[in-house]
Amino acid sequence: MAPSVRERITACLDHRTATWPNIANPHLFINRRSAMETCNVGIRWIKLLLGPGVSCRSIREERILAEALASHGNAKSLHNVFGLSINASLRYTEVVGHPGFTDANPSA
C-alpha cells in the first residue's frame, strides 16, 4: 500500500478504536448504534453519509480501477490488495492502456 493510504487507514482505525474501544463490528462503516453489535449500518445512513448517486460498490470499483492504473495493470497487486480472484483482477487490468479509456481523475 502507498504510504499515504496506509497513514489514512491507520488514522481511521485509531479514531475508531478511540471512539469505540473493544469493538467487535467488522464493517467499514459503523455508527453509534451499530458499533456495539456486528450488524451493518442502514442503507439510509450510508446514503446520507455518501450523498446521492454514490454507493459503497462504486467507491470500491473506483479504488480497484485506481490501483490497476497505479500498478500499471499488475493483476497480482489487485489480488493482494483487494482479495480479487485472478479473473476479476484481469478484468480490471484490461482497462489499463485501452485506447477508449482515459483516466478521468489522474490525481487520485
Protein backbone atom coordinates (compact mmCIF):
# COMPACT_ATOMS: atom_id res chain seq x y z
CA MET A 1 0.00 0.00 0.00
CA ALA A 2 1.12 3.52 -0.67
CA PRO A 3 2.36 5.35 2.45
CA SER A 4 -0.40 7.98 2.21
CA VAL A 5 -3.08 5.27 2.07
CA ARG A 6 -1.52 3.44 5.00
CA GLU A 7 -1.50 6.71 7.01
CA ARG A 8 -5.17 7.37 6.28
CA ILE A 9 -6.22 3.84 7.17
CA THR A 10 -4.20 4.00 10.39
CA ALA A 11 -5.80 7.34 11.32
CA CYS A 12 -9.27 5.94 10.62
CA LEU A 13 -8.64 2.80 12.67
CA ASP A 14 -7.11 4.84 15.50
CA HIS A 15 -10.20 7.07 15.58
CA ARG A 16 -12.46 4.03 15.52
CA THR A 17 -10.54 2.39 18.40
CA ALA A 18 -10.54 5.60 20.46
CA THR A 19 -14.26 6.16 19.87
CA TRP A 20 -15.36 2.55 20.31
CA PRO A 21 -12.78 0.51 22.26
CA ASN A 22 -13.32 -3.27 22.29
CA ILE A 23 -15.46 -3.10 19.16
CA ALA A 24 -16.44 -6.35 17.50
CA ASN A 25 -18.13 -4.92 14.40
CA PRO A 26 -16.16 -5.91 11.26
CA HIS A 27 -17.90 -3.50 8.86
CA LEU A 28 -16.18 -0.49 7.31
CA PHE A 29 -19.00 1.92 8.10
CA ILE A 30 -20.24 1.97 11.66
CA ASN A 31 -22.23 4.40 13.76
CA ARG A 32 -23.10 4.67 17.43
CA ARG A 33 -25.96 2.18 17.03
CA SER A 34 -24.10 -0.49 15.06
CA ALA A 35 -20.75 -0.13 16.83
CA MET A 36 -21.59 -2.40 19.74
CA GLU A 37 -23.17 -5.07 17.56
CA THR A 38 -22.00 -6.94 14.49
CA CYS A 39 -24.69 -5.60 12.16
CA ASN A 40 -24.09 -3.14 9.36
CA VAL A 41 -25.39 0.42 9.24
CA GLY A 42 -28.57 1.03 7.32
CA ILE A 43 -28.78 1.98 3.66
CA ARG A 44 -30.33 5.33 4.60
CA TRP A 45 -27.33 6.16 6.83
CA ILE A 46 -24.89 5.34 4.03
CA LYS A 47 -26.84 7.42 1.50
CA LEU A 48 -26.85 10.37 3.94
CA LEU A 49 -23.11 9.96 4.53
CA LEU A 50 -22.02 9.47 0.91
CA GLY A 51 -24.61 11.59 -0.85
CA PRO A 52 -26.91 10.82 -3.75
CA GLY A 53 -25.62 8.64 -6.55
CA VAL A 54 -22.67 7.24 -4.59
CA SER A 55 -22.61 3.67 -3.32
CA CYS A 56 -20.15 1.51 -1.45
CA ARG A 57 -19.83 -0.59 -4.60
CA SER A 58 -18.97 2.43 -6.76
CA ILE A 59 -16.32 3.53 -4.25
CA ARG A 60 -14.77 0.05 -4.23
CA GLU A 61 -14.80 -0.22 -8.02
CA GLU A 62 -13.20 3.22 -8.36
CA ARG A 63 -10.46 2.28 -5.88
CA ILE A 64 -9.78 -1.01 -7.69
CA LEU A 65 -9.53 0.80 -11.01
CA ALA A 66 -7.23 3.44 -9.47
CA GLU A 67 -4.98 0.67 -8.13
CA ALA A 68 -4.97 -1.03 -11.53
CA LEU A 69 -3.77 2.22 -13.08
CA ALA A 70 -1.24 2.94 -10.31
CA SER A 71 0.23 -0.56 -10.57
CA HIS A 72 0.36 -0.36 -14.39
CA GLY A 73 -2.00 -3.29 -14.75
CA ASN A 74 -0.47 -5.61 -12.16
CA ALA A 75 -3.19 -8.24 -11.56
CA LYS A 76 -1.29 -9.73 -8.63
CA SER A 77 -1.36 -6.36 -6.87
CA LEU A 78 -5.15 -6.19 -7.25
CA HIS A 79 -5.43 -9.73 -5.96
CA ASN A 80 -3.29 -8.95 -2.90
CA VAL A 81 -4.82 -5.58 -2.04
CA PHE A 82 -8.50 -6.30 -2.69
CA GLY A 83 -8.72 -10.08 -2.44
CA LEU A 84 -9.98 -10.39 -6.01
CA SER A 85 -9.76 -13.61 -7.95
CA ILE A 86 -7.22 -13.66 -10.73
CA ASN A 87 -10.02 -13.49 -13.34
CA ALA A 88 -11.58 -10.46 -11.66
CA SER A 89 -8.16 -8.81 -11.38
CA LEU A 90 -7.53 -9.38 -15.09
CA ARG A 91 -10.86 -7.72 -15.99
CA TYR A 92 -9.71 -4.54 -14.25
CA THR A 93 -6.19 -4.65 -15.70
CA GLU A 94 -7.57 -4.95 -19.25
CA VAL A 95 -8.70 -1.33 -18.93
CA VAL A 96 -5.14 -0.08 -18.47
CA GLY A 97 -3.82 1.06 -21.81
CA HIS A 98 -7.13 0.52 -23.60
CA PRO A 99 -7.42 3.15 -26.36
CA GLY A 100 -11.01 4.05 -25.38
CA PHE A 101 -10.17 4.66 -21.72
CA THR A 102 -8.95 7.91 -20.25
CA ASP A 103 -8.17 8.37 -16.60
CA ALA A 104 -10.77 10.93 -15.50
CA ASN A 105 -9.05 11.55 -12.17
CA PRO A 106 -5.27 11.22 -12.51
CA SER A 107 -4.60 12.77 -9.09
CA ALA A 108 -6.48 10.03 -7.16
